[in-house]
Amino acid sequence: MGPLLNASKTIDAINAKVGKFTTWLILATTLISAGNAIVRKSFDMSSNALLEVQWYLFAAVFMLGAGYGLLKNTHVRIDFISSKLSHRTRNWIDALGFIFVLTPFCLISIYLSWPMFTQALMSGEMSQNAGGLIRWPVFAIIPVGFILLMLQGFSETIKRFAFLNGHGPDVLNSEDAKSDDQKKLEELEAQTARMLAGEK
């Protein structure tokens, strides 16, 4: 299990760095979008290239940040149900979901998006908008994003099986892994329990 856990740590580190990089892309997207709006309203001017840059950056944030979202457990989860399950059951559900749902979905998406990227790269495809940008960089983001997401799914699967076999902590039960909704739910449950205890 040791080599697999080392691989998991490496994948986590990669997606953590990519995720932190995407936070700067959010800032860049915001500044470019605000600049476009100000120039358009103040000077009645616009640039298709700058408009497309903000679309490209938004796509990069969404696609490249998906693996980081999985690392930080910020993906959608039905906390009301999952919080009622045992720790082992939650980890089994996650592991099976990563293997039988996430991985095939990522492989299919990579398979379908890769030809789009290579075709755009080889042809030098440009945007049809006047002054638009070359297309292959934004097409490249799609398979790269799914590769990062699939790798993170592999890392999370390792961590789930490590816990199930007694070789690692329950990452789903750590404070860092809990979503805001789950923390609020636990807080409400604790308050309710204190109120009921006070009534008795």
Protein backbone atom coordinates (compact mmCIF):
# COMPACT_ATOMS: atom_id res chain seq x y z
CA MET A 1 0.00 0.00 0.00
CA GLY A 2 2.99 2.29 0.58
CA PRO A 3 3.83 2.95 -3.10
CA LEU A 4 0.16 3.62 -3.88
CA LEU A 5 -0.11 6.11 -1.01
CA ASN A 6 3.05 7.83 -2.26
CA ALA A 7 1.47 8.07 -5.73
CA SER A 8 -1.66 9.49 -4.12
CA LYS A 9 0.39 12.17 -2.33
CA THR A 10 2.09 13.10 -5.62
CA ILE A 11 -1.24 13.44 -7.42
CA ASP A 12 -2.64 15.50 -4.54
CA ALA A 13 0.36 17.83 -4.71
CA ILE A 14 -0.05 18.30 -8.48
CA ASN A 15 -3.75 19.12 -8.24
CA ALA A 16 -3.16 21.38 -5.25
CA LYS A 17 -0.66 23.44 -7.27
CA VAL A 18 -2.95 23.53 -10.31
CA GLY A 19 -5.89 24.50 -8.11
CA LYS A 20 -4.01 27.38 -6.52
CA PHE A 21 -2.94 28.52 -10.00
CA THR A 22 -6.58 28.61 -11.13
CA THR A 23 -7.41 31.06 -8.33
CA TRP A 24 -5.16 33.57 -10.13
CA LEU A 25 -7.03 32.83 -13.36
CA ILE A 26 -10.25 33.84 -11.59
CA LEU A 27 -8.67 37.18 -10.72
CA ALA A 28 -7.43 37.63 -14.30
CA THR A 29 -10.88 36.77 -15.69
CA THR A 30 -12.53 39.28 -13.37
CA LEU A 31 -10.11 42.08 -14.26
CA ILE A 32 -10.38 41.44 -18.00
CA SER A 33 -14.17 41.25 -17.82
CA ALA A 34 -14.36 44.51 -15.85
CA GLY A 35 -11.91 46.18 -18.24
CA ASN A 36 -13.95 45.08 -21.25
CA ALA A 37 -17.13 46.47 -19.71
CA ILE A 38 -15.52 49.81 -18.77
CA VAL A 39 -13.96 50.32 -22.23
CA ARG A 40 -17.18 49.36 -23.98
CA LYS A 41 -19.34 51.70 -21.90
CA SER A 42 -16.86 54.60 -21.73
CA PHE A 43 -15.36 54.57 -25.22
CA ASP A 44 -17.85 52.48 -27.21
CA MET A 45 -15.02 50.08 -28.13
CA SER A 46 -14.64 46.34 -27.76
CA SER A 47 -12.17 43.59 -28.58
CA ASN A 48 -13.17 40.09 -29.63
CA ALA A 49 -9.73 38.85 -28.58
CA LEU A 50 -10.19 40.14 -25.03
CA LEU A 51 -13.72 38.74 -24.87
CA GLU A 52 -12.44 35.34 -25.95
CA VAL A 53 -9.56 35.50 -23.48
CA GLN A 54 -12.01 35.78 -20.60
CA TRP A 55 -13.99 32.82 -21.98
CA TYR A 56 -10.77 30.79 -22.29
CA LEU A 57 -9.78 31.66 -18.73
CA PHE A 58 -13.21 30.75 -17.38
CA ALA A 59 -13.00 27.39 -19.18
CA ALA A 60 -9.54 26.86 -17.70
CA VAL A 61 -10.78 27.58 -14.17
CA PHE A 62 -13.67 25.16 -14.55
CA MET A 63 -11.75 22.32 -16.24
CA LEU A 64 -8.36 22.57 -14.53
CA GLY A 65 -9.93 23.15 -11.10
CA ALA A 66 -12.13 20.03 -11.21
CA GLY A 67 -9.40 17.78 -9.79
CA TYR A 68 -8.67 20.31 -7.05
CA GLY A 69 -12.38 20.42 -6.20
CA LEU A 70 -12.36 16.64 -5.79
CA LEU A 71 -9.23 16.84 -3.64
CA LYS A 72 -10.92 19.36 -1.34
CA ASN A 73 -14.23 17.44 -1.34
CA THR A 74 -16.19 20.44 -2.66
CA HIS A 75 -18.13 18.46 -5.26
CA VAL A 76 -21.87 18.03 -4.80
CA ARG A 77 -22.80 15.52 -2.15
CA ILE A 78 -26.15 14.81 -0.49
CA ASP A 79 -24.90 15.54 3.01
CA PHE A 80 -28.22 14.83 4.69
CA ILE A 81 -28.03 11.21 3.49
CA SER A 82 -24.27 10.63 3.60
CA SER A 83 -24.00 11.95 7.16
CA LYS A 84 -26.37 9.19 8.31
CA LEU A 85 -24.22 6.41 6.83
CA SER A 86 -21.36 4.65 8.58
CA HIS A 87 -17.81 5.75 7.78
CA ARG A 88 -17.06 2.47 6.02
CA THR A 89 -20.23 2.67 3.91
CA ARG A 90 -19.44 6.22 2.81
CA ASN A 91 -15.94 5.21 1.81
CA TRP A 92 -17.19 2.16 -0.10
CA ILE A 93 -19.71 4.32 -1.99
CA ASP A 94 -16.98 6.80 -2.89
CA ALA A 95 -14.52 4.12 -4.00
CA LEU A 96 -17.05 2.34 -6.19
CA GLY A 97 -18.23 5.65 -7.64
CA PHE A 98 -14.68 6.63 -8.56
CA ILE A 99 -14.04 3.27 -10.21
CA PHE A 100 -17.31 2.66 -12.04
CA VAL A 101 -18.60 6.19 -12.72
CA LEU A 102 -15.87 8.83 -12.59
CA THR A 103 -13.09 6.91 -14.35
CA PRO A 104 -15.18 5.72 -17.33
CA PHE A 105 -16.68 9.21 -17.70
CA CYS A 106 -13.21 10.78 -17.76
CA LEU A 107 -11.86 8.20 -20.23
CA ILE A 108 -14.79 8.77 -22.60
CA SER A 109 -14.39 12.54 -22.33
CA ILE A 110 -10.64 12.34 -23.03
CA TYR A 111 -11.28 10.03 -25.98
CA LEU A 112 -13.85 12.39 -27.49
CA SER A 113 -11.99 15.65 -26.83
CA TRP A 114 -8.49 14.63 -27.89
CA PRO A 115 -9.27 14.57 -31.67
CA MET A 116 -10.82 18.05 -31.38
CA PHE A 117 -7.59 19.34 -29.86
CA THR A 118 -5.25 17.64 -32.34
CA GLN A 119 -7.34 18.73 -35.33
CA ALA A 120 -7.37 22.34 -34.14
CA LEU A 121 -3.62 22.19 -33.47
CA MET A 122 -2.74 20.74 -36.86
CA SER A 123 -5.06 23.04 -38.83
CA GLY A 124 -4.26 26.19 -36.87
CA GLU A 125 -7.99 26.75 -36.44
CA MET A 126 -8.90 30.33 -35.58
CA SER A 127 -12.01 31.85 -34.09
CA GLN A 128 -14.58 32.91 -36.68
CA ASN A 129 -14.96 36.25 -34.91
CA ALA A 130 -12.99 39.17 -36.31
CA GLY A 131 -9.77 39.55 -34.35
CA GLY A 132 -10.48 36.30 -32.50
CA LEU A 133 -7.94 33.89 -31.06
CA ILE A 134 -6.44 30.59 -32.10
CA ARG A 135 -8.57 27.69 -30.86
CA TRP A 136 -6.24 24.83 -29.94
CA PRO A 137 -5.29 26.14 -26.45
CA VAL A 138 -8.88 26.10 -25.26
CA PHE A 139 -9.45 22.66 -26.82
CA ALA A 140 -6.33 21.40 -25.00
CA ILE A 141 -7.84 22.42 -21.67
CA ILE A 142 -10.61 19.81 -22.03
CA PRO A 143 -8.53 16.58 -22.10
CA VAL A 144 -5.98 18.01 -19.64
CA GLY A 145 -8.77 18.84 -17.20
CA PHE A 146 -10.26 15.36 -17.44
CA ILE A 147 -6.82 13.76 -17.03
CA LEU A 148 -6.29 15.75 -13.81
CA LEU A 149 -9.77 14.83 -12.59
CA MET A 150 -9.24 11.13 -13.37
CA LEU A 151 -5.86 11.14 -11.60
CA GLN A 152 -7.45 12.72 -8.54
CA GLY A 153 -10.16 10.08 -8.65
CA PHE A 154 -7.39 7.46 -8.63
CA SER A 155 -5.78 9.20 -5.64
CA GLU A 156 -9.09 9.36 -3.75
CA THR A 157 -9.75 5.67 -4.46
CA ILE A 158 -6.37 4.79 -2.95
CA LYS A 159 -7.19 6.82 0.17
CA ARG A 160 -10.62 5.18 0.52
CA PHE A 161 -9.18 1.66 0.28
CA ALA A 162 -6.33 2.60 2.62
CA PHE A 163 -8.91 3.56 5.25
CA LEU A 164 -11.02 0.46 4.61
CA ASN A 165 -7.94 -1.74 5.12
CA GLY A 166 -6.73 0.12 8.20
CA HIS A 167 -3.76 1.79 6.50
CA GLY A 168 -4.92 5.39 6.53
CA PRO A 169 -7.26 7.98 8.05
CA ASP A 170 -10.86 8.54 7.06
CA VAL A 171 -10.39 11.59 4.82
CA LEU A 172 -14.17 12.02 4.59
CA ASN A 173 -14.35 12.56 8.34
CA SER A 174 -11.62 15.20 8.61
CA GLU A 175 -12.65 18.81 9.15
CA ASP A 176 -10.88 19.89 5.95
CA ALA A 177 -12.82 17.37 3.87
CA LYS A 178 -16.24 18.38 5.16
CA SER A 179 -18.31 20.68 2.98
CA ASP A 180 -19.81 23.87 4.41
CA ASP A 181 -23.28 22.30 4.23
CA GLN A 182 -22.09 19.25 6.15
CA LYS A 183 -20.51 21.43 8.85
CA LYS A 184 -23.75 23.43 9.17
CA LEU A 185 -25.77 20.22 9.39
CA GLU A 186 -23.54 18.85 12.15
CA GLU A 187 -23.76 22.16 13.99
CA LEU A 188 -27.58 22.10 13.80
CA GLU A 189 -27.65 18.50 15.00
CA ALA A 190 -25.41 19.42 17.94
CA GLN A 191 -27.64 22.39 18.83
CA THR A 192 -30.75 20.20 18.64
CA ALA A 193 -29.11 17.59 20.88
CA ARG A 194 -28.19 20.28 23.45
CA MET A 195 -31.74 21.66 23.40
CA LEU A 196 -33.24 18.21 23.94
CA ALA A 197 -30.78 17.50 26.72
CA GLY A 198 -31.75 20.80 28.37
CA GLU A 199 -35.44 19.92 28.21
CA LYS A 200 -34.80 16.65 30.03
